[in-house]
Amino acid sequence: MNDSSGLLYDIIRKRWVKKTPEEVIRQMLLQAMVKHLGFPSALIAVEKELRQMPHLKMYPGPLPDRRADVVCFSTGSDPAEALVPLLLVECKEELLNEAAKNQVLGYNAFVQARFVALANAKGVWLLLPQGEMIAGLPRYGELLQAVSKSTTPA
């Protein structure tokens, strides 16, 4: 992942990116998601502009000029359906505070991911619908099961 030239290899975008504190967090998260939590790399988008998201191509109004840090998709219940946003993650180099929480929830007003999380150098936290944050990120399969049962993952 590290290169002495100040670059990091992004396993999703398959290219070298500038090493910044936030990028280190993002790359560590992506490595964990793909290698340990079973997230399919083909269903992850990194730093994608909202207007580039497949499910927002036909959005009726203007979209903010913003990029989502990490969005993981799932396929719909019908294989012919388009990709559906499953998880939106915002990576922050600083402390995760109310402003960070409001930012990711604001992005999700457009993205409409079923699950939302925040990540920093200390870890990743899943935001629950009641406003609580729980440490850790469930496996991809657990998120899919929670959607099919319409529950929050444990």
N, C-alpha and C. Protein backbone atom coordinates (compact mmCIF):
# COMPACT_ATOMS: atom_id res chain seq x y z
N MET A 1 0.82 -1.19 0.00
CA MET A 1 0.00 0.00 0.00
C MET A 1 0.87 1.25 0.00
N ASN A 2 1.96 1.27 0.74
CA ASN A 2 2.80 2.45 0.86
C ASN A 2 3.88 2.48 -0.20
N ASP A 3 4.22 3.68 -0.59
CA ASP A 3 5.32 3.90 -1.51
C ASP A 3 6.09 5.10 -0.97
N SER A 4 7.40 5.03 -1.01
CA SER A 4 8.22 6.09 -0.44
C SER A 4 8.08 7.42 -1.19
N SER A 5 7.47 7.41 -2.36
CA SER A 5 7.34 8.63 -3.14
C SER A 5 6.15 9.49 -2.71
N GLY A 6 5.48 9.13 -1.64
CA GLY A 6 4.35 9.92 -1.18
C GLY A 6 3.05 9.53 -1.87
N LEU A 7 3.01 8.31 -2.42
CA LEU A 7 1.81 7.83 -3.09
C LEU A 7 1.32 6.55 -2.43
N LEU A 8 0.04 6.28 -2.58
CA LEU A 8 -0.59 5.04 -2.11
C LEU A 8 -1.29 4.39 -3.29
N TYR A 9 -1.28 3.06 -3.31
CA TYR A 9 -2.00 2.38 -4.38
C TYR A 9 -3.44 2.14 -3.93
N ASP A 10 -4.38 2.62 -4.73
CA ASP A 10 -5.80 2.46 -4.45
C ASP A 10 -6.26 1.17 -5.11
N ILE A 11 -6.67 0.19 -4.30
CA ILE A 11 -7.05 -1.12 -4.82
C ILE A 11 -8.37 -1.10 -5.58
N ILE A 12 -9.18 -0.07 -5.36
CA ILE A 12 -10.46 0.03 -6.06
C ILE A 12 -10.29 0.78 -7.38
N ARG A 13 -9.67 1.93 -7.33
CA ARG A 13 -9.47 2.73 -8.55
C ARG A 13 -8.31 2.20 -9.40
N LYS A 14 -7.52 1.30 -8.81
CA LYS A 14 -6.39 0.66 -9.48
C LYS A 14 -5.40 1.67 -10.05
N ARG A 15 -5.04 2.62 -9.19
CA ARG A 15 -4.05 3.62 -9.56
C ARG A 15 -3.43 4.20 -8.30
N TRP A 16 -2.29 4.86 -8.50
CA TRP A 16 -1.60 5.50 -7.39
C TRP A 16 -2.26 6.85 -7.10
N VAL A 17 -2.43 7.15 -5.82
CA VAL A 17 -3.04 8.41 -5.40
C VAL A 17 -2.12 9.09 -4.39
N LYS A 18 -2.25 10.40 -4.27
CA LYS A 18 -1.43 11.16 -3.35
C LYS A 18 -1.70 10.74 -1.91
N LYS A 19 -0.63 10.55 -1.16
CA LYS A 19 -0.73 10.13 0.23
C LYS A 19 -1.04 11.35 1.11
N THR A 20 -2.27 11.41 1.58
CA THR A 20 -2.69 12.43 2.54
C THR A 20 -3.22 11.70 3.76
N PRO A 21 -3.35 12.37 4.90
CA PRO A 21 -3.89 11.67 6.08
C PRO A 21 -5.25 11.03 5.82
N GLU A 22 -6.14 11.75 5.12
CA GLU A 22 -7.45 11.19 4.82
C GLU A 22 -7.36 10.01 3.85
N GLU A 23 -6.44 10.09 2.89
CA GLU A 23 -6.28 9.00 1.93
C GLU A 23 -5.73 7.75 2.60
N VAL A 24 -4.85 7.90 3.57
CA VAL A 24 -4.34 6.74 4.33
C VAL A 24 -5.50 6.05 5.02
N ILE A 25 -6.39 6.82 5.63
CA ILE A 25 -7.57 6.25 6.30
C ILE A 25 -8.44 5.52 5.29
N ARG A 26 -8.70 6.16 4.16
CA ARG A 26 -9.55 5.57 3.14
C ARG A 26 -8.96 4.25 2.64
N GLN A 27 -7.65 4.22 2.36
CA GLN A 27 -7.03 3.01 1.83
C GLN A 27 -7.00 1.88 2.87
N MET A 28 -6.76 2.23 4.12
CA MET A 28 -6.80 1.20 5.17
C MET A 28 -8.21 0.62 5.29
N LEU A 29 -9.22 1.48 5.21
CA LEU A 29 -10.61 1.04 5.27
C LEU A 29 -10.92 0.12 4.08
N LEU A 30 -10.54 0.54 2.88
CA LEU A 30 -10.82 -0.27 1.70
C LEU A 30 -10.15 -1.64 1.78
N GLN A 31 -8.91 -1.66 2.25
CA GLN A 31 -8.21 -2.94 2.42
C GLN A 31 -9.00 -3.86 3.36
N ALA A 32 -9.44 -3.32 4.49
CA ALA A 32 -10.19 -4.11 5.47
C ALA A 32 -11.52 -4.57 4.88
N MET A 33 -12.21 -3.67 4.18
CA MET A 33 -13.51 -4.03 3.61
C MET A 33 -13.39 -5.19 2.63
N VAL A 34 -12.40 -5.13 1.75
CA VAL A 34 -12.24 -6.15 0.71
C VAL A 34 -11.62 -7.42 1.26
N LYS A 35 -10.54 -7.30 2.02
CA LYS A 35 -9.79 -8.48 2.45
C LYS A 35 -10.37 -9.19 3.67
N HIS A 36 -11.04 -8.46 4.54
CA HIS A 36 -11.49 -9.07 5.79
C HIS A 36 -13.01 -9.09 5.99
N LEU A 37 -13.72 -8.20 5.30
CA LEU A 37 -15.16 -8.10 5.54
C LEU A 37 -16.01 -8.54 4.35
N GLY A 38 -15.36 -9.03 3.31
CA GLY A 38 -16.09 -9.63 2.19
C GLY A 38 -16.80 -8.67 1.25
N PHE A 39 -16.42 -7.40 1.24
CA PHE A 39 -17.03 -6.45 0.31
C PHE A 39 -16.43 -6.69 -1.08
N PRO A 40 -17.26 -6.89 -2.10
CA PRO A 40 -16.74 -7.10 -3.45
C PRO A 40 -16.16 -5.80 -4.01
N SER A 41 -14.91 -5.82 -4.41
CA SER A 41 -14.26 -4.59 -4.90
C SER A 41 -14.98 -4.02 -6.11
N ALA A 42 -15.61 -4.88 -6.92
CA ALA A 42 -16.31 -4.40 -8.11
C ALA A 42 -17.57 -3.59 -7.75
N LEU A 43 -18.03 -3.69 -6.51
CA LEU A 43 -19.23 -2.96 -6.10
C LEU A 43 -18.92 -1.77 -5.20
N ILE A 44 -17.65 -1.36 -5.18
CA ILE A 44 -17.25 -0.21 -4.36
C ILE A 44 -16.85 0.94 -5.28
N ALA A 45 -17.34 2.12 -4.96
CA ALA A 45 -16.95 3.35 -5.66
C ALA A 45 -16.21 4.24 -4.68
N VAL A 46 -15.13 4.86 -5.14
CA VAL A 46 -14.29 5.72 -4.29
C VAL A 46 -14.24 7.13 -4.87
N GLU A 47 -14.49 8.10 -4.01
CA GLU A 47 -14.46 9.52 -4.39
C GLU A 47 -15.27 9.76 -5.67
N LYS A 48 -16.47 9.26 -5.68
CA LYS A 48 -17.34 9.37 -6.84
C LYS A 48 -18.23 10.60 -6.68
N GLU A 49 -18.29 11.43 -7.71
CA GLU A 49 -19.19 12.58 -7.69
C GLU A 49 -20.62 12.06 -7.65
N LEU A 50 -21.47 12.78 -6.94
CA LEU A 50 -22.86 12.35 -6.82
C LEU A 50 -23.50 12.17 -8.19
N ARG A 51 -23.22 13.08 -9.12
CA ARG A 51 -23.85 13.00 -10.45
C ARG A 51 -23.32 11.82 -11.27
N GLN A 52 -22.23 11.18 -10.83
CA GLN A 52 -21.69 10.02 -11.54
C GLN A 52 -22.25 8.70 -11.01
N MET A 53 -23.01 8.76 -9.94
CA MET A 53 -23.54 7.52 -9.35
C MET A 53 -24.64 6.97 -10.25
N PRO A 54 -24.59 5.67 -10.54
CA PRO A 54 -25.54 5.09 -11.49
C PRO A 54 -27.00 5.34 -11.12
N HIS A 55 -27.34 5.21 -9.87
CA HIS A 55 -28.74 5.36 -9.46
C HIS A 55 -29.20 6.81 -9.42
N LEU A 56 -28.28 7.78 -9.56
CA LEU A 56 -28.66 9.19 -9.54
C LEU A 56 -28.62 9.83 -10.93
N LYS A 57 -28.36 9.03 -11.96
CA LYS A 57 -28.27 9.57 -13.33
C LYS A 57 -29.58 10.25 -13.74
N MET A 58 -30.69 9.75 -13.27
CA MET A 58 -31.99 10.30 -13.67
C MET A 58 -32.59 11.17 -12.55
N TYR A 59 -31.76 11.62 -11.62
CA TYR A 59 -32.26 12.45 -10.52
C TYR A 59 -32.93 13.69 -11.10
N PRO A 60 -34.15 14.00 -10.64
CA PRO A 60 -34.92 15.08 -11.28
C PRO A 60 -34.40 16.50 -11.03
N GLY A 61 -33.66 16.72 -9.98
CA GLY A 61 -33.21 18.07 -9.67
C GLY A 61 -31.70 18.18 -9.72
N PRO A 62 -31.20 19.35 -9.38
CA PRO A 62 -29.74 19.53 -9.36
C PRO A 62 -29.12 18.77 -8.19
N LEU A 63 -27.94 18.23 -8.41
CA LEU A 63 -27.20 17.54 -7.36
C LEU A 63 -26.06 18.43 -6.89
N PRO A 64 -25.74 18.40 -5.60
CA PRO A 64 -24.60 19.19 -5.13
C PRO A 64 -23.30 18.71 -5.79
N ASP A 65 -22.37 19.62 -5.93
CA ASP A 65 -21.07 19.29 -6.52
C ASP A 65 -20.19 18.70 -5.42
N ARG A 66 -20.47 17.46 -5.05
CA ARG A 66 -19.74 16.81 -3.96
C ARG A 66 -19.37 15.39 -4.38
N ARG A 67 -18.37 14.87 -3.67
CA ARG A 67 -17.92 13.50 -3.89
C ARG A 67 -18.15 12.68 -2.62
N ALA A 68 -18.60 11.46 -2.82
CA ALA A 68 -18.73 10.54 -1.69
C ALA A 68 -17.42 9.79 -1.54
N ASP A 69 -16.91 9.68 -0.32
CA ASP A 69 -15.63 9.01 -0.10
C ASP A 69 -15.69 7.55 -0.55
N VAL A 70 -16.60 6.79 0.05
CA VAL A 70 -16.72 5.36 -0.28
C VAL A 70 -18.20 5.01 -0.32
N VAL A 71 -18.63 4.39 -1.41
CA VAL A 71 -19.99 3.88 -1.51
C VAL A 71 -19.89 2.44 -1.96
N CYS A 72 -20.53 1.55 -1.21
CA CYS A 72 -20.59 0.15 -1.60
C CYS A 72 -22.02 -0.14 -2.05
N PHE A 73 -22.13 -0.78 -3.19
CA PHE A 73 -23.43 -1.07 -3.77
C PHE A 73 -23.78 -2.54 -3.58
N SER A 74 -25.06 -2.83 -3.76
CA SER A 74 -25.52 -4.21 -3.88
C SER A 74 -26.40 -4.25 -5.11
N THR A 75 -26.65 -5.44 -5.60
CA THR A 75 -27.57 -5.56 -6.72
C THR A 75 -28.97 -5.61 -6.13
N GLY A 76 -29.93 -5.18 -6.91
CA GLY A 76 -31.31 -5.22 -6.44
C GLY A 76 -31.80 -6.65 -6.32
N SER A 77 -32.99 -6.82 -5.81
CA SER A 77 -33.55 -8.16 -5.64
C SER A 77 -33.77 -8.83 -6.99
N ASP A 78 -34.00 -8.05 -8.02
CA ASP A 78 -34.13 -8.56 -9.38
C ASP A 78 -32.80 -8.32 -10.09
N PRO A 79 -32.16 -9.36 -10.65
CA PRO A 79 -30.86 -9.18 -11.30
C PRO A 79 -30.85 -8.11 -12.39
N ALA A 80 -32.01 -7.79 -12.94
CA ALA A 80 -32.08 -6.77 -13.99
C ALA A 80 -32.05 -5.36 -13.40
N GLU A 81 -32.25 -5.25 -12.09
CA GLU A 81 -32.26 -3.93 -11.44
C GLU A 81 -30.86 -3.34 -11.43
N ALA A 82 -30.82 -2.03 -11.36
CA ALA A 82 -29.54 -1.33 -11.27
C ALA A 82 -28.92 -1.54 -9.89
N LEU A 83 -27.70 -1.08 -9.75
CA LEU A 83 -27.04 -1.16 -8.46
C LEU A 83 -27.73 -0.25 -7.45
N VAL A 84 -27.79 -0.73 -6.22
CA VAL A 84 -28.45 -0.01 -5.13
C VAL A 84 -27.39 0.33 -4.09
N PRO A 85 -27.32 1.59 -3.61
CA PRO A 85 -26.33 1.93 -2.59
C PRO A 85 -26.64 1.22 -1.27
N LEU A 86 -25.66 0.49 -0.78
CA LEU A 86 -25.81 -0.25 0.47
C LEU A 86 -25.18 0.50 1.63
N LEU A 87 -23.95 1.00 1.42
CA LEU A 87 -23.19 1.62 2.50
C LEU A 87 -22.47 2.86 1.99
N LEU A 88 -22.60 3.95 2.71
CA LEU A 88 -21.88 5.19 2.44
C LEU A 88 -20.94 5.43 3.61
N VAL A 89 -19.65 5.64 3.33
CA VAL A 89 -18.67 5.90 4.38
C VAL A 89 -17.96 7.22 4.10
N GLU A 90 -17.89 8.07 5.10
CA GLU A 90 -17.15 9.32 5.02
C GLU A 90 -15.88 9.15 5.85
N CYS A 91 -14.74 9.42 5.26
CA CYS A 91 -13.45 9.30 5.95
C CYS A 91 -12.98 10.68 6.39
N LYS A 92 -12.55 10.77 7.63
CA LYS A 92 -12.09 12.04 8.20
C LYS A 92 -10.75 11.85 8.87
N GLU A 93 -9.88 12.83 8.70
CA GLU A 93 -8.60 12.74 9.40
C GLU A 93 -8.75 13.19 10.84
N GLU A 94 -9.73 14.06 11.11
CA GLU A 94 -9.91 14.59 12.46
C GLU A 94 -10.91 13.75 13.26
N LEU A 95 -11.23 14.26 14.43
CA LEU A 95 -12.20 13.59 15.28
C LEU A 95 -13.55 13.53 14.59
N LEU A 96 -14.28 12.49 14.90
CA LEU A 96 -15.61 12.34 14.34
C LEU A 96 -16.59 13.04 15.28
N ASN A 97 -17.08 14.18 14.84
CA ASN A 97 -17.96 14.98 15.68
C ASN A 97 -19.33 15.13 15.01
N GLU A 98 -20.15 15.98 15.58
CA GLU A 98 -21.49 16.19 15.06
C GLU A 98 -21.46 16.73 13.63
N ALA A 99 -20.48 17.59 13.32
CA ALA A 99 -20.36 18.15 11.97
C ALA A 99 -20.08 17.04 10.95
N ALA A 100 -19.20 16.09 11.31
CA ALA A 100 -18.90 14.97 10.41
C ALA A 100 -20.13 14.10 10.21
N LYS A 101 -20.85 13.88 11.30
CA LYS A 101 -22.08 13.08 11.24
C LYS A 101 -23.11 13.76 10.33
N ASN A 102 -23.27 15.08 10.49
CA ASN A 102 -24.21 15.83 9.66
C ASN A 102 -23.79 15.83 8.20
N GLN A 103 -22.49 15.87 7.94
CA GLN A 103 -22.00 15.85 6.56
C GLN A 103 -22.37 14.55 5.87
N VAL A 104 -22.10 13.42 6.51
CA VAL A 104 -22.39 12.14 5.87
C VAL A 104 -23.90 11.94 5.73
N LEU A 105 -24.66 12.40 6.71
CA LEU A 105 -26.12 12.28 6.60
C LEU A 105 -26.65 13.19 5.48
N GLY A 106 -26.02 14.35 5.31
CA GLY A 106 -26.40 15.24 4.21
C GLY A 106 -26.13 14.61 2.85
N TYR A 107 -24.97 13.97 2.71
CA TYR A 107 -24.65 13.26 1.47
C TYR A 107 -25.67 12.15 1.24
N ASN A 108 -26.02 11.48 2.33
CA ASN A 108 -26.92 10.34 2.18
C ASN A 108 -28.34 10.76 1.83
N ALA A 109 -28.69 12.01 2.05
CA ALA A 109 -30.00 12.49 1.60
C ALA A 109 -30.13 12.31 0.09
N PHE A 110 -29.00 12.36 -0.62
CA PHE A 110 -29.00 12.14 -2.07
C PHE A 110 -28.65 10.69 -2.41
N VAL A 111 -27.60 10.15 -1.78
CA VAL A 111 -27.13 8.81 -2.11
C VAL A 111 -28.17 7.75 -1.76
N GLN A 112 -28.83 7.92 -0.61
CA GLN A 112 -29.86 6.98 -0.15
C GLN A 112 -29.33 5.58 0.13
N ALA A 113 -28.11 5.52 0.70
CA ALA A 113 -27.57 4.23 1.11
C ALA A 113 -28.34 3.73 2.33
N ARG A 114 -28.47 2.44 2.42
CA ARG A 114 -29.20 1.86 3.55
C ARG A 114 -28.42 2.05 4.86
N PHE A 115 -27.08 2.02 4.78
CA PHE A 115 -26.23 2.16 5.96
C PHE A 115 -25.23 3.28 5.74
N VAL A 116 -24.88 3.95 6.84
CA VAL A 116 -23.95 5.07 6.79
C VAL A 116 -22.91 4.86 7.88
N ALA A 117 -21.65 5.20 7.57
CA ALA A 117 -20.57 5.04 8.55
C ALA A 117 -19.59 6.19 8.44
N LEU A 118 -18.85 6.39 9.52
CA LEU A 118 -17.77 7.37 9.57
C LEU A 118 -16.49 6.62 9.93
N ALA A 119 -15.37 7.05 9.34
CA ALA A 119 -14.08 6.41 9.62
C ALA A 119 -13.03 7.47 9.86
N ASN A 120 -12.12 7.18 10.79
CA ASN A 120 -10.92 7.99 10.98
C ASN A 120 -9.78 7.05 11.34
N ALA A 121 -8.65 7.60 11.76
CA ALA A 121 -7.48 6.77 12.04
C ALA A 121 -7.71 5.83 13.21
N LYS A 122 -8.68 6.12 14.05
CA LYS A 122 -8.95 5.27 15.22
C LYS A 122 -9.93 4.15 14.95
N GLY A 123 -10.64 4.21 13.84
CA GLY A 123 -11.59 3.14 13.54
C GLY A 123 -12.72 3.59 12.66
N VAL A 124 -13.74 2.76 12.60
CA VAL A 124 -14.93 3.03 11.79
C VAL A 124 -16.15 2.80 12.67
N TRP A 125 -17.16 3.66 12.47
CA TRP A 125 -18.38 3.59 13.28
C TRP A 125 -19.58 3.61 12.36
N LEU A 126 -20.50 2.69 12.62
CA LEU A 126 -21.74 2.62 11.88
C LEU A 126 -22.76 3.50 12.59
N LEU A 127 -23.45 4.34 11.84
CA LEU A 127 -24.49 5.20 12.41
C LEU A 127 -25.82 4.45 12.36
N LEU A 128 -26.44 4.34 13.50
CA LEU A 128 -27.73 3.67 13.57
C LEU A 128 -28.85 4.68 13.34
N PRO A 129 -30.02 4.20 12.90
CA PRO A 129 -31.13 5.13 12.63
C PRO A 129 -31.51 5.98 13.84
N GLN A 130 -31.30 5.48 15.05
CA GLN A 130 -31.65 6.23 16.25
C GLN A 130 -30.62 7.31 16.57
N GLY A 131 -29.58 7.42 15.77
CA GLY A 131 -28.55 8.43 15.99
C GLY A 131 -27.34 7.92 16.74
N GLU A 132 -27.39 6.70 17.25
CA GLU A 132 -26.25 6.12 17.94
C GLU A 132 -25.17 5.72 16.94
N MET A 133 -23.94 5.62 17.43
CA MET A 133 -22.84 5.12 16.61
C MET A 133 -22.27 3.88 17.30
N ILE A 134 -22.11 2.80 16.51
CA ILE A 134 -21.49 1.60 17.07
C ILE A 134 -20.16 1.37 16.38
N ALA A 135 -19.18 0.96 17.17
CA ALA A 135 -17.83 0.74 16.64
C ALA A 135 -17.82 -0.48 15.74
N GLY A 136 -17.06 -0.38 14.66
CA GLY A 136 -16.88 -1.50 13.75
C GLY A 136 -17.81 -1.44 12.56
N LEU A 137 -17.48 -2.26 11.60
CA LEU A 137 -18.27 -2.34 10.37
C LEU A 137 -18.63 -3.81 10.17
N PRO A 138 -19.91 -4.10 9.99
CA PRO A 138 -20.31 -5.49 9.74
C PRO A 138 -19.76 -5.99 8.41
N ARG A 139 -19.75 -7.30 8.25
CA ARG A 139 -19.36 -7.91 6.99
C ARG A 139 -20.41 -7.57 5.93
N TYR A 140 -20.00 -7.62 4.68
CA TYR A 140 -20.90 -7.32 3.57
C TYR A 140 -22.15 -8.19 3.63
N GLY A 141 -21.96 -9.48 3.85
CA GLY A 141 -23.09 -10.41 3.92
C GLY A 141 -24.06 -10.08 5.05
N GLU A 142 -23.54 -9.59 6.16
CA GLU A 142 -24.40 -9.21 7.28
C GLU A 142 -25.26 -7.99 6.93
N LEU A 143 -24.68 -7.05 6.19
CA LEU A 143 -25.46 -5.90 5.75
C LEU A 143 -26.57 -6.34 4.79
N LEU A 144 -26.24 -7.24 3.88
CA LEU A 144 -27.25 -7.75 2.95
C LEU A 144 -28.37 -8.48 3.69
N GLN A 145 -27.99 -9.29 4.69
CA GLN A 145 -29.00 -9.99 5.48
C GLN A 145 -29.89 -9.01 6.24
N ALA A 146 -29.29 -7.96 6.79
CA ALA A 146 -30.06 -6.96 7.52
C ALA A 146 -31.06 -6.27 6.60
N VAL A 147 -30.66 -6.02 5.35
CA VAL A 147 -31.57 -5.40 4.39
C VAL A 147 -32.72 -6.34 4.08
N SER A 148 -32.40 -7.61 3.86
CA SER A 148 -33.46 -8.57 3.51
C SER A 148 -34.42 -8.77 4.68
N LYS A 149 -33.93 -8.60 5.89
CA LYS A 149 -34.79 -8.73 7.08
C LYS A 149 -35.30 -7.38 7.56
N SER A 150 -34.83 -6.30 6.89
CA SER A 150 -35.16 -4.92 7.29
C SER A 150 -34.84 -4.65 8.75
N THR A 151 -33.62 -5.02 9.15
CA THR A 151 -33.16 -4.77 10.52
C THR A 151 -31.84 -4.03 10.48
N THR A 152 -31.37 -3.64 11.64
CA THR A 152 -30.05 -3.03 11.77
C THR A 152 -29.08 -4.13 12.16
N PRO A 153 -27.89 -4.19 11.52
CA PRO A 153 -26.93 -5.25 11.86
C PRO A 153 -26.43 -5.11 13.29
N ALA A 154 -26.12 -6.24 13.89
CA ALA A 154 -25.64 -6.23 15.28
C ALA A 154 -24.18 -5.86 15.34
